């Protein structure tokens, strides 16, 4: 799905230079959570964190993990918390 096709009630922003993009973050998140939009950005201005560990922004909240898998798990949990607000 193209970035501009929809915007979900939860937005996950990722830096295109971050380790989290080593996986298909858009495909994984958007297939599991159709109401979520994943947007890749050139830079989110967290360069120190970006170089040190995988991270993303979920509705403006910084989510990170020591590994890509841990970060993905943390992102999914943050999405569930955000979606609970709209339930």
Protein backbone atom coordinates (compact mmCIF):
# COMPACT_ATOMS: atom_id res chain seq x y z
CA UNK A 1 0.00 0.00 0.00
CA UNK A 2 1.33 3.42 -0.89
CA UNK A 3 2.00 5.92 1.88
CA UNK A 4 -0.71 8.28 0.68
CA UNK A 5 -3.51 5.69 0.27
CA UNK A 6 -4.71 6.11 3.84
CA UNK A 7 -3.85 7.51 7.20
CA UNK A 8 -4.82 5.47 10.21
CA UNK A 9 -5.93 6.53 13.65
CA UNK A 10 -2.46 5.51 14.79
CA UNK A 11 0.61 6.79 12.97
CA UNK A 12 3.98 5.04 13.24
CA UNK A 13 6.85 7.22 12.03
CA UNK A 14 10.18 5.56 11.26
CA UNK A 15 13.49 7.02 10.19
CA UNK A 16 14.64 5.47 6.91
CA UNK A 17 18.21 5.24 8.28
CA UNK A 18 17.22 3.36 11.46
CA UNK A 19 17.81 -0.36 12.05
CA UNK A 20 14.04 -0.95 12.36
CA UNK A 21 13.84 -0.55 8.57
CA UNK A 22 15.95 -3.71 8.13
CA UNK A 23 12.61 -5.55 8.40
CA UNK A 24 9.46 -4.86 6.40
CA UNK A 25 8.05 -2.68 9.18
CA UNK A 26 5.26 -1.28 6.99
CA UNK A 27 4.08 -4.68 5.83
CA UNK A 28 4.26 -6.24 9.30
CA UNK A 29 2.44 -3.45 11.12
CA UNK A 30 -0.13 -2.58 8.46
CA UNK A 31 -1.11 -6.23 7.90
CA UNK A 32 -1.59 -6.84 11.63
CA UNK A 33 -3.17 -3.45 12.33
CA UNK A 34 -5.08 -2.18 9.24
CA UNK A 35 -6.06 0.99 11.11
CA UNK A 36 -2.40 1.97 11.49
CA UNK A 37 -0.32 3.91 8.95
CA UNK A 38 3.46 3.51 8.86
CA UNK A 39 5.33 6.47 7.41
CA UNK A 40 9.02 6.40 6.51
CA UNK A 41 10.81 9.71 6.97
CA UNK A 42 14.28 10.80 5.93
CA UNK A 43 15.05 11.92 9.49
CA UNK A 44 13.19 12.25 12.78
CA UNK A 45 16.01 14.22 14.48
CA UNK A 46 16.92 11.55 17.05
CA UNK A 47 20.32 10.90 15.50
CA UNK A 48 22.03 9.66 18.70
CA UNK A 49 19.25 7.19 19.43
CA UNK A 50 18.94 6.29 15.75
CA UNK A 51 22.60 5.25 15.61
CA UNK A 52 22.37 3.32 18.90
CA UNK A 53 19.13 1.33 18.72
CA UNK A 54 15.98 0.59 16.73
CA UNK A 55 13.14 3.02 17.40
CA UNK A 56 9.94 4.53 16.02
CA UNK A 57 7.41 7.16 16.98
CA UNK A 58 3.88 5.90 17.71
CA UNK A 59 1.44 8.82 17.68
CA UNK A 60 4.34 11.06 18.68
CA UNK A 61 5.61 8.82 21.49
CA UNK A 62 9.17 7.52 21.29
CA UNK A 63 9.31 3.70 21.33
CA UNK A 64 12.60 1.81 21.21
CA UNK A 65 14.21 -1.54 21.97
CA UNK A 66 17.65 -3.09 22.28
CA UNK A 67 17.04 -5.25 19.19
CA UNK A 68 14.83 -4.96 16.13
CA UNK A 69 12.57 -7.74 17.46
CA UNK A 70 12.30 -6.11 20.89
CA UNK A 71 11.52 -2.77 19.27
CA UNK A 72 8.86 -4.35 17.06
CA UNK A 73 7.24 -5.94 20.13
CA UNK A 74 7.30 -2.56 21.92
CA UNK A 75 5.79 -0.84 18.88
CA UNK A 76 2.97 -3.38 18.76
CA UNK A 77 2.25 -2.87 22.47
CA UNK A 78 2.22 0.90 22.02
CA UNK A 79 -0.18 0.54 19.08
CA UNK A 80 -2.52 -1.62 21.19
CA UNK A 81 -2.53 1.05 23.92
CA UNK A 82 -3.28 3.77 21.39
CA UNK A 83 -6.07 1.73 19.78
CA UNK A 84 -7.63 1.06 23.19
CA UNK A 85 -8.32 4.80 23.44
CA UNK A 86 -10.59 4.53 20.38
CA UNK A 87 -12.31 1.28 21.41
